[in-house]
Amino acid sequence: MSKITFRLLLLLLLISIALSAFITLPEQQDREMSNFYQHRWIITSDPDTDQDVNSIAKYLAEFDVIFFGELHTHSGVHLAQMQLLEVMAQLNPEITLSMEQFERDTQSYVDDYLDG
């Protein structure tokens, strides 16, 4: 495995671990959702404290890799991803964006490729 591939995989792993502490769940909010794009940044260990995208980006800036899980067909999630990436790029212009587009049923092929 090349050094670049290893670093990319490590980056993706660390991103997923970092974001496991964050979630946007409109159905768990106390307030009524007024539109398709409305979301709320929270830290799962303190879900009653609202976070803004700037505080989340500053927290995540300490990590080498960030995973952002999504519903592929929900443009509101894509908007949140874009907003986070914009703030993180302001904090670190050297940031790299990597996107995977594999379906779950093809995971074994990805695993086989990564295993050589």
PDB file of N, CA and C in Angstrom:
ATOM      1  N   MET A   1       0.852  -1.169   0.000  1.00  0.00           N
ATOM      2  CA  MET A   1       0.000   0.000   0.000  1.00  0.00           C
ATOM      3  C   MET A   1       0.903   1.239   0.000  1.00  0.00           C
ATOM      4  N   SER A   2       0.617   2.189  -0.864  1.00  0.00           N
ATOM      5  CA  SER A   2       1.455   3.377  -0.948  1.00  0.00           C
ATOM      6  C   SER A   2       1.259   4.261   0.270  1.00  0.00           C
ATOM      7  N   LYS A   3       2.224   5.128   0.490  1.00  0.00           N
ATOM      8  CA  LYS A   3       2.183   6.048   1.633  1.00  0.00           C
ATOM      9  C   LYS A   3       0.970   6.975   1.530  1.00  0.00           C
ATOM     10  N   ILE A   4       0.657   7.422   0.312  1.00  0.00           N
ATOM     11  CA  ILE A   4      -0.493   8.315   0.103  1.00  0.00           C
ATOM     12  C   ILE A   4      -1.794   7.581   0.401  1.00  0.00           C
ATOM     13  N   THR A   5      -1.927   6.338  -0.071  1.00  0.00           N
ATOM     14  CA  THR A   5      -3.134   5.553   0.184  1.00  0.00           C
ATOM     15  C   THR A   5      -3.312   5.318   1.674  1.00  0.00           C
ATOM     16  N   PHE A   6      -2.232   4.967   2.355  1.00  0.00           N
ATOM     17  CA  PHE A   6      -2.297   4.742   3.795  1.00  0.00           C
ATOM     18  C   PHE A   6      -2.723   6.015   4.521  1.00  0.00           C
ATOM     19  N   ARG A   7      -2.146   7.152   4.153  1.00  0.00           N
ATOM     20  CA  ARG A   7      -2.491   8.422   4.803  1.00  0.00           C
ATOM     21  C   ARG A   7      -3.951   8.777   4.545  1.00  0.00           C
ATOM     22  N   LEU A   8      -4.434   8.517   3.340  1.00  0.00           N
ATOM     23  CA  LEU A   8      -5.832   8.794   3.012  1.00  0.00           C
ATOM     24  C   LEU A   8      -6.758   7.922   3.843  1.00  0.00           C
ATOM     25  N   LEU A   9      -6.448   6.643   3.945  1.00  0.00           N
ATOM     26  CA  LEU A   9      -7.272   5.744   4.748  1.00  0.00           C
ATOM     27  C   LEU A   9      -7.258   6.141   6.214  1.00  0.00           C
ATOM     28  N   LEU A  10      -6.095   6.520   6.708  1.00  0.00           N
ATOM     29  CA  LEU A  10      -5.995   6.970   8.094  1.00  0.00           C
ATOM     30  C   LEU A  10      -6.813   8.239   8.298  1.00  0.00           C
ATOM     31  N   LEU A  11      -6.736   9.159   7.352  1.00  0.00           N
ATOM     32  CA  LEU A  11      -7.508  10.392   7.424  1.00  0.00           C
ATOM     33  C   LEU A  11      -9.006  10.084   7.456  1.00  0.00           C
ATOM     34  N   LEU A  12      -9.468   9.199   6.597  1.00  0.00           N
ATOM     35  CA  LEU A  12     -10.883   8.842   6.564  1.00  0.00           C
ATOM     36  C   LEU A  12     -11.330   8.175   7.863  1.00  0.00           C
ATOM     37  N   LEU A  13     -10.503   7.321   8.421  1.00  0.00           N
ATOM     38  CA  LEU A  13     -10.831   6.661   9.679  1.00  0.00           C
ATOM     39  C   LEU A  13     -10.954   7.673  10.813  1.00  0.00           C
ATOM     40  N   LEU A  14     -10.005   8.577  10.900  1.00  0.00           N
ATOM     41  CA  LEU A  14     -10.043   9.574  11.976  1.00  0.00           C
ATOM     42  C   LEU A  14     -11.228  10.520  11.836  1.00  0.00           C
ATOM     43  N   ILE A  15     -11.593  10.857  10.613  1.00  0.00           N
ATOM     44  CA  ILE A  15     -12.766  11.708  10.401  1.00  0.00           C
ATOM     45  C   ILE A  15     -14.016  11.013  10.920  1.00  0.00           C
ATOM     46  N   SER A  16     -14.169   9.734  10.605  1.00  0.00           N
ATOM     47  CA  SER A  16     -15.368   9.026  11.053  1.00  0.00           C
ATOM     48  C   SER A  16     -15.423   8.929  12.565  1.00  0.00           C
ATOM     49  N   ILE A  17     -14.306   8.708  13.196  1.00  0.00           N
ATOM     50  CA  ILE A  17     -14.272   8.635  14.656  1.00  0.00           C
ATOM     51  C   ILE A  17     -14.624   9.989  15.255  1.00  0.00           C
ATOM     52  N   ALA A  18     -14.064  11.050  14.707  1.00  0.00           N
ATOM     53  CA  ALA A  18     -14.324  12.388  15.236  1.00  0.00           C
ATOM     54  C   ALA A  18     -15.791  12.769  15.116  1.00  0.00           C
ATOM     55  N   LEU A  19     -16.388  12.454  13.989  1.00  0.00           N
ATOM     56  CA  LEU A  19     -17.778  12.850  13.785  1.00  0.00           C
ATOM     57  C   LEU A  19     -18.774  11.947  14.493  1.00  0.00           C
ATOM     58  N   SER A  20     -18.312  10.852  15.037  1.00  0.00           N
ATOM     59  CA  SER A  20     -19.246   9.999  15.776  1.00  0.00           C
ATOM     60  C   SER A  20     -19.788  10.716  17.006  1.00  0.00           C
ATOM     61  N   ALA A  21     -19.124  11.794  17.423  1.00  0.00           N
ATOM     62  CA  ALA A  21     -19.598  12.575  18.563  1.00  0.00           C
ATOM     63  C   ALA A  21     -20.637  13.615  18.149  1.00  0.00           C
ATOM     64  N   PHE A  22     -20.822  13.815  16.853  1.00  0.00           N
ATOM     65  CA  PHE A  22     -21.732  14.834  16.354  1.00  0.00           C
ATOM     66  C   PHE A  22     -22.834  14.191  15.537  1.00  0.00           C
ATOM     67  N   ILE A  23     -23.982  14.821  15.567  1.00  0.00           N
ATOM     68  CA  ILE A  23     -25.089  14.277  14.791  1.00  0.00           C
ATOM     69  C   ILE A  23     -26.105  15.392  14.558  1.00  0.00           C
ATOM     70  N   THR A  24     -26.791  15.352  13.447  1.00  0.00           N
ATOM     71  CA  THR A  24     -27.908  16.262  13.231  1.00  0.00           C
ATOM     72  C   THR A  24     -29.160  15.415  13.132  1.00  0.00           C
ATOM     73  N   LEU A  25     -30.026  15.546  14.087  1.00  0.00           N
ATOM     74  CA  LEU A  25     -31.245  14.741  14.135  1.00  0.00           C
ATOM     75  C   LEU A  25     -32.463  15.646  14.333  1.00  0.00           C
ATOM     76  N   PRO A  26     -33.087  16.128  13.259  1.00  0.00           N
ATOM     77  CA  PRO A  26     -34.235  17.009  13.392  1.00  0.00           C
ATOM     78  C   PRO A  26     -35.364  16.392  14.196  1.00  0.00           C
ATOM     79  N   GLU A  27     -35.556  15.084  14.106  1.00  0.00           N
ATOM     80  CA  GLU A  27     -36.666  14.470  14.803  1.00  0.00           C
ATOM     81  C   GLU A  27     -36.490  14.470  16.322  1.00  0.00           C
ATOM     82  N   GLN A  28     -35.277  14.746  16.818  1.00  0.00           N
ATOM     83  CA  GLN A  28     -35.041  14.772  18.252  1.00  0.00           C
ATOM     84  C   GLN A  28     -35.029  16.193  18.815  1.00  0.00           C
ATOM     85  N   GLN A  29     -35.278  17.162  17.993  1.00  0.00           N
ATOM     86  CA  GLN A  29     -35.243  18.539  18.458  1.00  0.00           C
ATOM     87  C   GLN A  29     -36.556  18.909  19.133  1.00  0.00           C
ATOM     88  N   ASP A  30     -36.460  19.816  20.083  1.00  0.00           N
ATOM     89  CA  ASP A  30     -37.646  20.294  20.774  1.00  0.00           C
ATOM     90  C   ASP A  30     -38.459  21.254  19.914  1.00  0.00           C
ATOM     91  N   ARG A  31     -37.809  21.941  19.018  1.00  0.00           N
ATOM     92  CA  ARG A  31     -38.513  22.933  18.204  1.00  0.00           C
ATOM     93  C   ARG A  31     -38.985  22.321  16.883  1.00  0.00           C
ATOM     94  N   GLU A  32     -39.998  22.916  16.352  1.00  0.00           N
ATOM     95  CA  GLU A  32     -40.570  22.478  15.081  1.00  0.00           C
ATOM     96  C   GLU A  32     -39.596  22.795  13.940  1.00  0.00           C
ATOM     97  N   MET A  33     -39.457  21.862  13.025  1.00  0.00           N
ATOM     98  CA  MET A  33     -38.629  22.102  11.850  1.00  0.00           C
ATOM     99  C   MET A  33     -39.459  22.908  10.852  1.00  0.00           C
ATOM    100  N   SER A  34     -38.882  23.995  10.367  1.00  0.00           N
ATOM    101  CA  SER A  34     -39.651  24.882   9.499  1.00  0.00           C
ATOM    102  C   SER A  34     -39.339  24.692   8.017  1.00  0.00           C
ATOM    103  N   ASN A  35     -38.228  24.021   7.700  1.00  0.00           N
ATOM    104  CA  ASN A  35     -37.921  23.791   6.291  1.00  0.00           C
ATOM    105  C   ASN A  35     -37.002  22.587   6.135  1.00  0.00           C
ATOM    106  N   PHE A  36     -36.842  22.168   4.906  1.00  0.00           N
ATOM    107  CA  PHE A  36     -36.087  20.978   4.545  1.00  0.00           C
ATOM    108  C   PHE A  36     -34.608  21.088   4.898  1.00  0.00           C
ATOM    109  N   TYR A  37     -34.075  22.303   4.928  1.00  0.00           N
ATOM    110  CA  TYR A  37     -32.643  22.520   5.123  1.00  0.00           C
ATOM    111  C   TYR A  37     -32.265  22.810   6.569  1.00  0.00           C
ATOM    112  N   GLN A  38     -33.224  22.950   7.435  1.00  0.00           N
ATOM    113  CA  GLN A  38     -32.939  23.279   8.821  1.00  0.00           C
ATOM    114  C   GLN A  38     -32.276  22.085   9.504  1.00  0.00           C
ATOM    115  N   HIS A  39     -31.242  22.358  10.260  1.00  0.00           N
ATOM    116  CA  HIS A  39     -30.574  21.314  11.026  1.00  0.00           C
ATOM    117  C   HIS A  39     -30.003  21.922  12.296  1.00  0.00           C
ATOM    118  N   ARG A  40     -29.496  21.073  13.134  1.00  0.00           N
ATOM    119  CA  ARG A  40     -28.949  21.526  14.405  1.00  0.00           C
ATOM    120  C   ARG A  40     -27.669  20.733  14.672  1.00  0.00           C
ATOM    121  N   TRP A  41     -26.579  21.443  14.941  1.00  0.00           N
ATOM    122  CA  TRP A  41     -25.326  20.799  15.308  1.00  0.00           C
ATOM    123  C   TRP A  41     -25.368  20.538  16.798  1.00  0.00           C
ATOM    124  N   ILE A  42     -25.102  19.302  17.196  1.00  0.00           N
ATOM    125  CA  ILE A  42     -25.048  18.979  18.621  1.00  0.00           C
ATOM    126  C   ILE A  42     -23.862  18.065  18.898  1.00  0.00           C
ATOM    127  N   ILE A  43     -23.438  18.064  20.148  1.00  0.00           N
ATOM    128  CA  ILE A  43     -22.475  17.088  20.640  1.00  0.00           C
ATOM    129  C   ILE A  43     -23.301  16.079  21.418  1.00  0.00           C
ATOM    130  N   THR A  44     -23.191  14.824  21.067  1.00  0.00           N
ATOM    131  CA  THR A  44     -24.083  13.820  21.658  1.00  0.00           C
ATOM    132  C   THR A  44     -23.927  13.701  23.163  1.00  0.00           C
ATOM    133  N   SER A  45     -22.766  14.041  23.705  1.00  0.00           N
ATOM    134  CA  SER A  45     -22.595  13.985  25.152  1.00  0.00           C
ATOM    135  C   SER A  45     -23.287  15.158  25.856  1.00  0.00           C
ATOM    136  N   ASP A  46     -23.674  16.177  25.095  1.00  0.00           N
ATOM    137  CA  ASP A  46     -24.359  17.350  25.650  1.00  0.00           C
ATOM    138  C   ASP A  46     -25.408  17.833  24.642  1.00  0.00           C
ATOM    139  N   PRO A  47     -26.436  17.019  24.378  1.00  0.00           N
ATOM    140  CA  PRO A  47     -27.370  17.321  23.284  1.00  0.00           C
ATOM    141  C   PRO A  47     -28.248  18.549  23.522  1.00  0.00           C
ATOM    142  N   ASP A  48     -28.312  19.061  24.725  1.00  0.00           N
ATOM    143  CA  ASP A  48     -29.144  20.236  24.989  1.00  0.00           C
ATOM    144  C   ASP A  48     -28.435  21.545  24.672  1.00  0.00           C
ATOM    145  N   THR A  49     -27.151  21.480  24.387  1.00  0.00           N
ATOM    146  CA  THR A  49     -26.384  22.688  24.071  1.00  0.00           C
ATOM    147  C   THR A  49     -26.234  22.815  22.566  1.00  0.00           C
ATOM    148  N   ASP A  50     -26.820  23.855  21.999  1.00  0.00           N
ATOM    149  CA  ASP A  50     -26.683  24.090  20.563  1.00  0.00           C
ATOM    150  C   ASP A  50     -25.248  24.477  20.230  1.00  0.00           C
ATOM    151  N   GLN A  51     -24.755  23.953  19.139  1.00  0.00           N
ATOM    152  CA  GLN A  51     -23.439  24.302  18.613  1.00  0.00           C
ATOM    153  C   GLN A  51     -23.659  24.959  17.258  1.00  0.00           C
ATOM    154  N   ASP A  52     -22.760  25.854  16.882  1.00  0.00           N
ATOM    155  CA  ASP A  52     -22.849  26.391  15.530  1.00  0.00           C
ATOM    156  C   ASP A  52     -21.734  25.778  14.689  1.00  0.00           C
ATOM    157  N   VAL A  53     -21.823  25.973  13.399  1.00  0.00           N
ATOM    158  CA  VAL A  53     -20.870  25.351  12.488  1.00  0.00           C
ATOM    159  C   VAL A  53     -19.445  25.815  12.784  1.00  0.00           C
ATOM    160  N   ASN A  54     -19.282  27.048  13.272  1.00  0.00           N
ATOM    161  CA  ASN A  54     -17.943  27.545  13.588  1.00  0.00           C
ATOM    162  C   ASN A  54     -17.321  26.795  14.762  1.00  0.00           C
ATOM    163  N   SER A  55     -18.102  26.555  15.811  1.00  0.00           N
ATOM    164  CA  SER A  55     -17.562  25.833  16.961  1.00  0.00           C
ATOM    165  C   SER A  55     -17.266  24.376  16.599  1.00  0.00           C
ATOM    166  N   ILE A  56     -18.102  23.785  15.763  1.00  0.00           N
ATOM    167  CA  ILE A  56     -17.869  22.414  15.329  1.00  0.00           C
ATOM    168  C   ILE A  56     -16.594  22.356  14.478  1.00  0.00           C
ATOM    169  N   ALA A  57     -16.426  23.292  13.560  1.00  0.00           N
ATOM    170  CA  ALA A  57     -15.236  23.313  12.693  1.00  0.00           C
ATOM    171  C   ALA A  57     -13.966  23.499  13.515  1.00  0.00           C
ATOM    172  N   LYS A  58     -14.013  24.379  14.508  1.00  0.00           N
ATOM    173  CA  LYS A  58     -12.831  24.588  15.357  1.00  0.00           C
ATOM    174  C   LYS A  58     -12.491  23.316  16.129  1.00  0.00           C
ATOM    175  N   TYR A  59     -13.500  22.629  16.607  1.00  0.00           N
ATOM    176  CA  TYR A  59     -13.263  21.369  17.315  1.00  0.00           C
ATOM    177  C   TYR A  59     -12.654  20.335  16.370  1.00  0.00           C
ATOM    178  N   LEU A  60     -13.222  20.200  15.188  1.00  0.00           N
ATOM    179  CA  LEU A  60     -12.767  19.192  14.232  1.00  0.00           C
ATOM    180  C   LEU A  60     -11.408  19.524  13.629  1.00  0.00           C
ATOM    181  N   ALA A  61     -11.005  20.785  13.674  1.00  0.00           N
ATOM    182  CA  ALA A  61      -9.723  21.197  13.102  1.00  0.00           C
ATOM    183  C   ALA A  61      -8.542  20.506  13.776  1.00  0.00           C
ATOM    184  N   GLU A  62      -8.748  19.967  14.951  1.00  0.00           N
ATOM    185  CA  GLU A  62      -7.680  19.264  15.674  1.00  0.00           C
ATOM    186  C   GLU A  62      -7.435  17.854  15.137  1.00  0.00           C
ATOM    187  N   PHE A  63      -8.326  17.363  14.291  1.00  0.00           N
ATOM    188  CA  PHE A  63      -8.224  15.994  13.785  1.00  0.00           C
ATOM    189  C   PHE A  63      -7.614  15.967  12.395  1.00  0.00           C
ATOM    190  N   ASP A  64      -6.933  14.859  12.092  1.00  0.00           N
ATOM    191  CA  ASP A  64      -6.357  14.678  10.760  1.00  0.00           C
ATOM    192  C   ASP A  64      -7.390  14.195   9.750  1.00  0.00           C
ATOM    193  N   VAL A  65      -8.393  13.448  10.220  1.00  0.00           N
ATOM    194  CA  VAL A  65      -9.397  12.851   9.340  1.00  0.00           C
ATOM    195  C   VAL A  65     -10.769  13.074   9.954  1.00  0.00           C
ATOM    196  N   ILE A  66     -11.736  13.419   9.117  1.00  0.00           N
ATOM    197  CA  ILE A  66     -13.118  13.614   9.558  1.00  0.00           C
ATOM    198  C   ILE A  66     -14.029  12.893   8.574  1.00  0.00           C
ATOM    199  N   PHE A  67     -14.916  12.046   9.087  1.00  0.00           N
ATOM    200  CA  PHE A  67     -15.924  11.399   8.256  1.00  0.00           C
ATOM    201  C   PHE A  67     -17.252  12.099   8.499  1.00  0.00           C
ATOM    202  N   PHE A  68     -17.988  12.357   7.448  1.00  0.00           N
ATOM    203  CA  PHE A  68     -19.301  12.977   7.561  1.00  0.00           C
ATOM    204  C   PHE A  68     -20.299  12.021   6.926  1.00  0.00           C
ATOM    205  N   GLY A  69     -21.028  11.287   7.752  1.00  0.00           N
ATOM    206  CA  GLY A  69     -22.030  10.368   7.231  1.00  0.00           C
ATOM    207  C   GLY A  69     -23.223  11.132   6.691  1.00  0.00           C
ATOM    208  N   GLU A  70     -23.943  10.523   5.788  1.00  0.00           N
ATOM    209  CA  GLU A  70     -25.042  11.253   5.163  1.00  0.00           C
ATOM    210  C   GLU A  70     -26.104  10.318   4.610  1.00  0.00           C
ATOM    211  N   LEU A  71     -27.224  10.929   4.292  1.00  0.00           N
ATOM    212  CA  LEU A  71     -28.231  10.315   3.435  1.00  0.00           C
ATOM    213  C   LEU A  71     -27.937  10.875   2.048  1.00  0.00           C
ATOM    214  N   HIS A  72     -27.557  10.011   1.119  1.00  0.00           N
ATOM    215  CA  HIS A  72     -27.066  10.486  -0.177  1.00  0.00           C
ATOM    216  C   HIS A  72     -28.076  11.319  -0.957  1.00  0.00           C
ATOM    217  N   THR A  73     -29.349  11.180  -0.674  1.00  0.00           N
ATOM    218  CA  THR A  73     -30.354  11.895  -1.471  1.00  0.00           C
ATOM    219  C   THR A  73     -30.925  13.111  -0.762  1.00  0.00           C
ATOM    220  N   HIS A  74     -30.366  13.499   0.374  1.00  0.00           N
ATOM    221  CA  HIS A  74     -30.924  14.619   1.148  1.00  0.00           C
ATOM    222  C   HIS A  74     -30.069  15.865   0.941  1.00  0.00           C
ATOM    223  N   SER A  75     -30.572  16.803   0.175  1.00  0.00           N
ATOM    224  CA  SER A  75     -29.770  17.988  -0.138  1.00  0.00           C
ATOM    225  C   SER A  75     -29.550  18.880   1.082  1.00  0.00           C
ATOM    226  N   GLY A  76     -30.379  18.760   2.100  1.00  0.00           N
ATOM    227  CA  GLY A  76     -30.146  19.500   3.343  1.00  0.00           C
ATOM    228  C   GLY A  76     -28.859  19.051   4.018  1.00  0.00           C
ATOM    229  N   VAL A  77     -28.572  17.751   3.965  1.00  0.00           N
ATOM    230  CA  VAL A  77     -27.319  17.228   4.518  1.00  0.00           C
ATOM    231  C   VAL A  77     -26.145  17.726   3.690  1.00  0.00           C
ATOM    232  N   HIS A  78     -26.306  17.763   2.381  1.00  0.00           N
ATOM    233  CA  HIS A  78     -25.243  18.257   1.512  1.00  0.00           C
ATOM    234  C   HIS A  78     -24.951  19.726   1.809  1.00  0.00           C
ATOM    235  N   LEU A  79     -25.962  20.499   2.119  1.00  0.00           N
ATOM    236  CA  LEU A  79     -25.765  21.901   2.485  1.00  0.00           C
ATOM    237  C   LEU A  79     -24.951  21.998   3.774  1.00  0.00           C
ATOM    238  N   ALA A  80     -25.278  21.191   4.773  1.00  0.00           N
ATOM    239  CA  ALA A  80     -24.536  21.196   6.035  1.00  0.00           C
ATOM    240  C   ALA A  80     -23.076  20.803   5.795  1.00  0.00           C
ATOM    241  N   GLN A  81     -22.849  19.814   4.936  1.00  0.00           N
ATOM    242  CA  GLN A  81     -21.477  19.406   4.608  1.00  0.00           C
ATOM    243  C   GLN A  81     -20.711  20.568   3.974  1.00  0.00           C
ATOM    244  N   MET A  82     -21.349  21.253   3.046  1.00  0.00           N
ATOM    245  CA  MET A  82     -20.701  22.368   2.366  1.00  0.00           C
ATOM    246  C   MET A  82     -20.376  23.481   3.357  1.00  0.00           C
ATOM    247  N   GLN A  83     -21.318  23.797   4.243  1.00  0.00           N
ATOM    248  CA  GLN A  83     -21.083  24.852   5.222  1.00  0.00           C
ATOM    249  C   GLN A  83     -19.907  24.503   6.130  1.00  0.00           C
ATOM    250  N   LEU A  84     -19.844  23.253   6.568  1.00  0.00           N
ATOM    251  CA  LEU A  84     -18.736  22.820   7.425  1.00  0.00           C
ATOM    252  C   LEU A  84     -17.416  22.888   6.664  1.00  0.00           C
ATOM    253  N   LEU A  85     -17.401  22.409   5.429  1.00  0.00           N
ATOM    254  CA  LEU A  85     -16.171  22.440   4.639  1.00  0.00           C
ATOM    255  C   LEU A  85     -15.699  23.873   4.398  1.00  0.00           C
ATOM    256  N   GLU A  86     -16.616  24.784   4.141  1.00  0.00           N
ATOM    257  CA  GLU A  86     -16.240  26.191   3.921  1.00  0.00           C
ATOM    258  C   GLU A  86     -15.551  26.768   5.154  1.00  0.00           C
ATOM    259  N   VAL A  87     -16.112  26.535   6.331  1.00  0.00           N
ATOM    260  CA  VAL A  87     -15.517  27.069   7.559  1.00  0.00           C
ATOM    261  C   VAL A  87     -14.172  26.403   7.830  1.00  0.00           C
ATOM    262  N   MET A  88     -14.112  25.088   7.631  1.00  0.00           N
ATOM    263  CA  MET A  88     -12.853  24.382   7.875  1.00  0.00           C
ATOM    264  C   MET A  88     -11.766  24.828   6.888  1.00  0.00           C
ATOM    265  N   ALA A  89     -12.142  25.145   5.652  1.00  0.00           N
ATOM    266  CA  ALA A  89     -11.179  25.631   4.660  1.00  0.00           C
ATOM    267  C   ALA A  89     -10.665  27.017   5.030  1.00  0.00           C
ATOM    268  N   GLN A  90     -11.496  27.819   5.683  1.00  0.00           N
ATOM    269  CA  GLN A  90     -11.029  29.120   6.161  1.00  0.00           C
ATOM    270  C   GLN A  90     -10.012  28.940   7.292  1.00  0.00           C
ATOM    271  N   LEU A  91     -10.236  27.928   8.134  1.00  0.00           N
ATOM    272  CA  LEU A  91      -9.312  27.655   9.230  1.00  0.00           C
ATOM    273  C   LEU A  91      -8.006  27.031   8.733  1.00  0.00           C
ATOM    274  N   ASN A  92      -8.106  26.229   7.667  1.00  0.00           N
ATOM    275  CA  ASN A  92      -6.940  25.544   7.121  1.00  0.00           C
ATOM    276  C   ASN A  92      -7.083  25.443   5.605  1.00  0.00           C
ATOM    277  N   PRO A  93      -6.500  26.389   4.865  1.00  0.00           N
ATOM    278  CA  PRO A  93      -6.613  26.373   3.403  1.00  0.00           C
ATOM    279  C   PRO A  93      -5.990  25.140   2.750  1.00  0.00           C
ATOM    280  N   GLU A  94      -5.199  24.379   3.480  1.00  0.00           N
ATOM    281  CA  GLU A  94      -4.561  23.179   2.944  1.00  0.00           C
ATOM    282  C   GLU A  94      -5.444  21.937   3.087  1.00  0.00           C
ATOM    283  N   ILE A  95      -6.678  22.090   3.549  1.00  0.00           N
ATOM    284  CA  ILE A  95      -7.575  20.957   3.766  1.00  0.00           C
ATOM    285  C   ILE A  95      -7.812  20.211   2.455  1.00  0.00           C
ATOM    286  N   THR A  96      -7.994  18.910   2.568  1.00  0.00           N
ATOM    287  CA  THR A  96      -8.270  18.071   1.407  1.00  0.00           C
ATOM    288  C   THR A  96      -9.628  17.406   1.581  1.00  0.00           C
ATOM    289  N   LEU A  97     -10.418  17.407   0.543  1.00  0.00           N
ATOM    290  CA  LEU A  97     -11.727  16.759   0.553  1.00  0.00           C
ATOM    291  C   LEU A  97     -11.626  15.464  -0.245  1.00  0.00           C
ATOM    292  N   SER A  98     -12.066  14.384   0.352  1.00  0.00           N
ATOM    293  CA  SER A  98     -12.116  13.097  -0.330  1.00  0.00           C
ATOM    294  C   SER A  98     -13.517  12.550  -0.164  1.00  0.00           C
ATOM    295  N   MET A  99     -14.099  12.054  -1.241  1.00  0.00           N
ATOM    296  CA  MET A  99     -15.461  11.535  -1.168  1.00  0.00           C
ATOM    297  C   MET A  99     -15.492  10.091  -1.635  1.00  0.00           C
ATOM    298  N   GLU A 100     -16.191   9.251  -0.892  1.00  0.00           N
ATOM    299  CA  GLU A 100     -16.399   7.880  -1.348  1.00  0.00           C
ATOM    300  C   GLU A 100     -17.815   7.783  -1.864  1.00  0.00           C
ATOM    301  N   GLN A 101     -17.973   6.963  -2.839  1.00  0.00           N
ATOM    302  CA  GLN A 101     -19.276   6.818  -3.457  1.00  0.00           C
ATOM    303  C   GLN A 101     -19.641   5.347  -3.659  1.00  0.00           C
ATOM    304  N   PHE A 102     -19.242   4.497  -2.727  1.00  0.00           N
ATOM    305  CA  PHE A 102     -19.511   3.075  -2.860  1.00  0.00           C
ATOM    306  C   PHE A 102     -20.770   2.691  -2.099  1.00  0.00           C
ATOM    307  N   GLU A 103     -21.554   1.818  -2.657  1.00  0.00           N
ATOM    308  CA  GLU A 103     -22.736   1.283  -1.989  1.00  0.00           C
ATOM    309  C   GLU A 103     -22.309   0.168  -1.039  1.00  0.00           C
ATOM    310  N   ARG A 104     -23.125  -0.106  -0.039  1.00  0.00           N
ATOM    311  CA  ARG A 104     -22.781  -1.124   0.952  1.00  0.00           C
ATOM    312  C   ARG A 104     -22.561  -2.498   0.331  1.00  0.00           C
ATOM    313  N   ASP A 105     -23.333  -2.827  -0.696  1.00  0.00           N
ATOM    314  CA  ASP A 105     -23.209  -4.163  -1.276  1.00  0.00           C
ATOM    315  C   ASP A 105     -21.911  -4.357  -2.061  1.00  0.00           C
ATOM    316  N   THR A 106     -21.142  -3.296  -2.270  1.00  0.00           N
ATOM    317  CA  THR A 106     -19.849  -3.419  -2.947  1.00  0.00           C
ATOM    318  C   THR A 106     -18.676  -3.308  -1.974  1.00  0.00           C
ATOM    319  N   GLN A 107     -18.957  -3.258  -0.685  1.00  0.00           N
ATOM    320  CA  GLN A 107     -17.890  -3.088   0.305  1.00  0.00           C
ATOM    321  C   GLN A 107     -16.842  -4.193   0.224  1.00  0.00           C
ATOM    322  N   SER A 108     -17.253  -5.420  -0.054  1.00  0.00           N
ATOM    323  CA  SER A 108     -16.281  -6.517  -0.113  1.00  0.00           C
ATOM    324  C   SER A 108     -15.248  -6.283  -1.218  1.00  0.00           C
ATOM    325  N   TYR A 109     -15.658  -5.659  -2.318  1.00  0.00           N
ATOM    326  CA  TYR A 109     -14.719  -5.351  -3.397  1.00  0.00           C
ATOM    327  C   TYR A 109     -13.715  -4.286  -2.953  1.00  0.00           C
ATOM    328  N   VAL A 110     -14.201  -3.306  -2.225  1.00  0.00           N
ATOM    329  CA  VAL A 110     -13.310  -2.269  -1.694  1.00  0.00           C
ATOM    330  C   VAL A 110     -12.320  -2.902  -0.718  1.00  0.00           C
ATOM    331  N   ASP A 111     -12.815  -3.771   0.170  1.00  0.00           N
ATOM    332  CA  ASP A 111     -11.945  -4.463   1.133  1.00  0.00           C
ATOM    333  C   ASP A 111     -10.878  -5.287   0.419  1.00  0.00           C
ATOM    334  N   ASP A 112     -11.296  -6.026  -0.623  1.00  0.00           N
ATOM    335  CA  ASP A 112     -10.350  -6.838  -1.382  1.00  0.00           C
ATOM    336  C   ASP A 112      -9.274  -5.953  -2.032  1.00  0.00           C
ATOM    337  N   TYR A 113      -9.677  -4.823  -2.576  1.00  0.00           N
ATOM    338  CA  TYR A 113      -8.725  -3.910  -3.198  1.00  0.00           C
ATOM    339  C   TYR A 113      -7.725  -3.395  -2.161  1.00  0.00           C
ATOM    340  N   LEU A 114      -8.226  -2.981  -1.017  1.00  0.00           N
ATOM    341  CA  LEU A 114      -7.347  -2.447   0.016  1.00  0.00           C
ATOM    342  C   LEU A 114      -6.415  -3.503   0.590  1.00  0.00           C
ATOM    343  N   ASP A 115      -6.837  -4.768   0.530  1.00  0.00           N
ATOM    344  CA  ASP A 115      -5.993  -5.859   1.008  1.00  0.00           C
ATOM    345  C   ASP A 115      -4.936  -6.266  -0.031  1.00  0.00           C
ATOM    346  N   GLY A 116      -4.976  -5.665  -1.209  1.00  0.00           N
ATOM    347  CA  GLY A 116      -3.970  -5.948  -2.235  1.00  0.00           C
ATOM    348  C   GLY A 116      -4.446  -6.921  -3.271  1.00  0.00           C
TER     349      GLY A 116
END
